[in-house]
C-alpha cells in the first residue's frame, strides 16, 4: 500500500519539501497451525442484513446454528460495513445461552477515521497473528485478534441456537461532521464443535520386518 509521511510544522514556520526514506521490514507470515483432529468447523453467514448503525446505539445481527455440540472454537469472519467515524465502532458476540463478550474497538489500536473509500472488511480470530493491527483503512479483509477479550469464554458451551453479533456506536455526531453513522452489510460466524475424535490422530503402527536368515560361516 501507500505510506504517507505527515509533517506538522510549528506555527508561522515554513518547511521545505526534502527527500526522505521510509525503512519497512516485512516478515513472512507464520505457518498456519493445523486444526485439531477433534474439531469440525462450519461457517454460518448472516441472513438478516443490512442493518443501519446509528449514533449511540447497539445493533444485533443473528445467525442460527442448527448443529448441537460442544464449542471448541469461535471466530467472526468477513465483517463488512461502512462508517463515518471508526473511532466510535466496537464489536461483541452473544452466545445462545446469553453470555456476551466485548471483543473489539478500533480505539484500542489507535485513531481510525473511515474505511478509505470502500467498505471496511475484517475478521476477528484468537489465532490471528499476535500484535498485528488493522491498517488505517481496514478494507483488505485481514484477520486480527480481538483487542478487548478473547473468544475463550465461548469454548465448552452448547453450539446450537441464535448467535448475535453486536455492533456498537458509542458516540454522537457533532456540528462539524454531522451524524457519524453507517451500515452493516454482512458477517459470518465460524464455529467449531467437538466431533468425538482424539485431539491428535493415533499413529498407524508400523510392522517390524522379519530378519532374513544368514549363513553361519560368516559368508555374506
Protein backbone atom coordinates (compact mmCIF):
# COMPACT_ATOMS: atom_id res chain seq x y z
CA UNK A 1 0.00 0.00 0.00
CA UNK A 2 0.89 3.66 0.17
CA UNK A 3 2.86 5.13 3.07
CA UNK A 4 2.23 8.80 3.89
CA UNK A 5 4.58 10.98 5.94
CA UNK A 6 2.76 13.80 7.70
CA UNK A 7 4.63 16.89 8.98
CA UNK A 8 3.02 19.40 11.32
CA UNK A 9 5.33 22.46 11.39
CA UNK A 10 5.33 24.96 14.26
CA UNK A 11 3.07 27.96 13.75
CA UNK A 12 4.43 30.69 11.41
CA UNK A 13 7.35 28.45 10.32
CA UNK A 14 7.98 27.45 6.74
CA UNK A 15 9.03 23.99 5.56
CA UNK A 16 10.86 22.58 2.57
CA UNK A 17 9.84 19.50 0.64
CA UNK A 18 13.04 17.49 1.17
CA UNK A 19 13.68 13.88 0.12
CA UNK A 20 13.10 11.18 2.70
CA UNK A 21 13.25 7.38 3.00
CA UNK A 22 10.90 5.05 4.86
CA UNK A 23 12.51 1.83 6.09
CA UNK A 24 9.94 -1.00 6.18
CA UNK A 25 10.58 -4.51 7.47
CA UNK A 26 8.24 -7.20 6.15
CA UNK A 27 8.21 -10.51 7.98
CA UNK A 28 6.88 -13.67 6.39
CA UNK A 29 3.56 -14.79 7.93
CA UNK A 30 3.82 -17.74 10.30
CA UNK A 31 2.91 -21.20 9.06
CA UNK A 32 -0.79 -21.84 9.78
CA UNK A 33 -1.45 -24.29 12.59
CA UNK A 34 -3.35 -27.41 11.55
CA UNK A 35 -6.79 -27.79 13.12
CA UNK A 36 -7.02 -30.36 15.91
CA UNK A 37 -8.40 -33.71 14.81
CA UNK A 38 -11.45 -33.37 17.08
CA UNK A 39 -12.67 -30.08 15.57
CA UNK A 40 -15.43 -29.98 12.97
CA UNK A 41 -15.79 -26.40 11.71
CA UNK A 42 -18.58 -24.66 9.79
CA UNK A 43 -19.03 -21.04 8.67
CA UNK A 44 -22.55 -19.62 9.04
CA UNK A 45 -23.27 -16.40 7.07
CA UNK A 46 -25.70 -13.80 8.37
CA UNK A 47 -29.02 -13.51 6.57
CA UNK A 48 -30.76 -10.60 8.34
CA UNK A 49 -28.65 -7.81 6.90
CA UNK A 50 -28.22 -4.96 6.06
CA UNK A 51 -28.57 -3.05 9.34
CA UNK A 52 -28.23 0.66 9.98
CA UNK A 53 -25.52 1.66 12.51
CA UNK A 54 -26.95 4.73 14.26
CA UNK A 55 -25.17 7.10 16.64
CA UNK A 56 -25.21 5.98 20.29
CA UNK A 57 -26.89 2.64 19.57
CA UNK A 58 -26.06 -1.06 19.61
CA UNK A 59 -27.50 -3.26 16.89
CA UNK A 60 -27.75 -7.04 16.86
CA UNK A 61 -27.48 -9.29 13.81
CA UNK A 62 -28.09 -13.02 14.24
CA UNK A 63 -27.16 -16.35 12.71
CA UNK A 64 -28.80 -19.66 13.60
CA UNK A 65 -26.55 -22.66 14.29
CA UNK A 66 -28.53 -25.89 13.81
CA UNK A 67 -25.79 -28.30 14.89
CA UNK A 68 -25.68 -29.49 18.50
CA UNK A 69 -22.28 -29.99 20.04
CA UNK A 70 -19.66 -28.62 22.41
CA UNK A 71 -17.94 -25.50 21.11
CA UNK A 72 -14.16 -25.77 20.61
CA UNK A 73 -13.54 -22.56 18.62
CA UNK A 74 -15.35 -19.37 17.61
CA UNK A 75 -14.38 -16.61 15.17
CA UNK A 76 -16.01 -13.76 13.26
CA UNK A 77 -15.32 -13.70 9.53
CA UNK A 78 -15.70 -11.01 6.87
CA UNK A 79 -17.41 -8.31 8.95
CA UNK A 80 -18.34 -5.94 6.13
CA UNK A 81 -19.61 -2.45 6.93
CA UNK A 82 -19.19 1.25 6.36
CA UNK A 83 -18.99 4.07 8.91
CA UNK A 84 -18.05 7.73 9.03
CA UNK A 85 -16.14 7.53 12.33
CA UNK A 86 -14.44 4.21 13.07
CA UNK A 87 -13.26 5.52 16.44
CA UNK A 88 -16.92 5.13 17.52
CA UNK A 89 -17.25 1.46 16.48
CA UNK A 90 -16.97 -1.73 18.55
CA UNK A 91 -17.94 -5.40 18.17
CA UNK A 92 -19.23 -8.02 20.60
CA UNK A 93 -20.75 -11.50 20.40
CA UNK A 94 -23.63 -13.16 22.24
CA UNK A 95 -23.99 -16.95 22.60
CA UNK A 96 -27.33 -18.78 22.64
CA UNK A 97 -27.19 -19.07 26.44
CA UNK A 98 -27.00 -15.27 26.81
CA UNK A 99 -23.26 -14.94 27.50
CA UNK A 100 -21.88 -11.75 25.94
CA UNK A 101 -18.21 -10.95 25.27
CA UNK A 102 -16.97 -7.47 24.37
CA UNK A 103 -14.38 -8.21 21.68
CA UNK A 104 -13.05 -5.23 19.79
CA UNK A 105 -12.94 -1.47 19.29
CA UNK A 106 -10.84 0.46 16.78
CA UNK A 107 -9.87 2.93 19.52
CA UNK A 108 -7.83 0.19 21.22
CA UNK A 109 -5.46 0.22 18.23
CA UNK A 110 -5.20 3.99 17.72
CA UNK A 111 -7.12 6.68 15.89
CA UNK A 112 -9.16 5.37 12.96
CA UNK A 113 -11.49 7.55 10.91
CA UNK A 114 -13.14 5.85 7.92
CA UNK A 115 -12.88 2.93 5.53
CA UNK A 116 -10.90 4.69 2.82
CA UNK A 117 -13.43 4.97 0.01
CA UNK A 118 -14.87 1.43 0.01
CA UNK A 119 -16.41 -0.77 2.67
CA UNK A 120 -14.46 -1.90 5.70
CA UNK A 121 -13.90 -5.65 5.86
CA UNK A 122 -12.08 -7.60 8.57
CA UNK A 123 -12.19 -10.83 10.57
CA UNK A 124 -11.59 -11.47 14.28
CA UNK A 125 -9.92 -14.66 15.47
CA UNK A 126 -7.87 -15.67 18.51
CA UNK A 127 -5.50 -17.46 16.12
CA UNK A 128 -4.60 -14.35 14.10
CA UNK A 129 -1.03 -13.01 14.13
CA UNK A 130 -0.18 -11.60 17.56
CA UNK A 131 0.45 -7.84 17.62
CA UNK A 132 -0.89 -7.22 14.11
CA UNK A 133 -3.08 -4.08 13.99
CA UNK A 134 -5.66 -3.29 11.31
CA UNK A 135 -4.45 -0.91 8.58
CA UNK A 136 -5.55 2.72 8.74
CA UNK A 137 -8.17 1.94 6.10
CA UNK A 138 -9.28 -1.56 7.22
CA UNK A 139 -10.75 -2.72 3.93
CA UNK A 140 -8.41 -5.57 2.89
CA UNK A 141 -10.26 -8.41 4.66
CA UNK A 142 -7.40 -9.13 7.08
CA UNK A 143 -7.78 -11.23 10.24
CA UNK A 144 -6.89 -9.75 13.65
CA UNK A 145 -7.01 -10.77 17.28
CA UNK A 146 -9.72 -9.23 19.47
CA UNK A 147 -8.44 -6.10 21.19
CA UNK A 148 -10.53 -6.42 24.38
CA UNK A 149 -11.39 -10.02 25.26
CA UNK A 150 -10.78 -13.33 23.54
CA UNK A 151 -13.39 -15.80 22.33
CA UNK A 152 -12.31 -18.23 25.09
CA UNK A 153 -15.48 -17.79 27.25
CA UNK A 154 -17.50 -19.46 24.46
CA UNK A 155 -15.41 -22.64 24.43
CA UNK A 156 -17.24 -25.51 26.12
CA UNK A 157 -20.70 -24.03 25.58
CA UNK A 158 -23.53 -25.63 23.58
CA UNK A 159 -23.36 -24.66 19.92
CA UNK A 160 -26.98 -24.73 18.72
CA UNK A 161 -29.25 -21.69 18.72
CA UNK A 162 -29.05 -17.98 17.93
CA UNK A 163 -25.64 -16.26 17.95
CA UNK A 164 -25.69 -12.46 17.77
CA UNK A 165 -23.06 -10.03 16.54
CA UNK A 166 -23.32 -6.72 18.39
CA UNK A 167 -22.12 -3.55 16.65
CA UNK A 168 -21.89 -0.53 18.92
CA UNK A 169 -21.62 3.16 18.03
CA UNK A 170 -20.64 4.78 21.30
CA UNK A 171 -20.53 8.48 20.38
CA UNK A 172 -22.88 11.09 18.97
CA UNK A 173 -22.15 13.11 15.86
CA UNK A 174 -21.08 16.73 16.12
CA UNK A 175 -21.70 20.05 14.38
CA UNK A 176 -18.62 19.64 12.20
CA UNK A 177 -19.18 16.07 10.97
CA UNK A 178 -22.92 15.73 11.44
CA UNK A 179 -24.23 12.21 12.08
CA UNK A 180 -21.35 9.71 12.26
CA UNK A 181 -23.35 6.63 11.34
CA UNK A 182 -23.00 3.74 8.91
CA UNK A 183 -24.29 0.36 7.74
CA UNK A 184 -23.54 -3.30 8.46
CA UNK A 185 -23.62 -5.29 5.20
CA UNK A 186 -22.58 -8.80 6.24
CA UNK A 187 -20.63 -11.11 8.53
CA UNK A 188 -20.20 -14.83 9.21
CA UNK A 189 -19.77 -16.92 12.33
CA UNK A 190 -17.05 -19.57 12.23
CA UNK A 191 -17.91 -22.26 14.77
CA UNK A 192 -16.09 -25.50 15.57
CA UNK A 193 -17.50 -28.31 17.70
CA UNK A 194 -16.02 -31.44 19.24
CA UNK A 195 -16.61 -34.35 16.86
CA UNK A 196 -15.58 -37.05 19.35
CA UNK A 197 -12.28 -37.94 17.69
CA UNK A 198 -8.98 -37.84 19.58
CA UNK A 199 -7.43 -34.37 19.51
CA UNK A 200 -4.49 -35.78 17.54
CA UNK A 201 -4.67 -38.82 15.23
CA UNK A 202 -3.34 -42.12 16.60
CA UNK A 203 -0.24 -43.10 14.59
CA UNK A 204 -0.66 -46.21 12.46
CA UNK A 205 1.54 -48.99 13.89
CA UNK A 206 4.45 -49.93 11.65
CA UNK A 207 5.18 -53.65 11.36
CA UNK A 208 8.59 -54.96 12.43
CA UNK A 209 10.39 -56.52 9.44
CA UNK A 210 11.27 -60.21 9.76
CA UNK A 211 15.08 -60.68 9.68
CA UNK A 212 16.40 -62.76 6.79
CA UNK A 213 18.35 -65.89 7.76
CA UNK A 214 22.15 -65.55 7.36
CA UNK A 215 24.81 -68.27 6.78
CA UNK A 216 26.59 -69.49 9.94
CA UNK A 217 30.08 -69.40 8.40
CA UNK A 218 30.30 -65.62 8.23
CA UNK A 219 29.85 -65.54 4.44
CA UNK A 220 27.73 -62.63 3.19
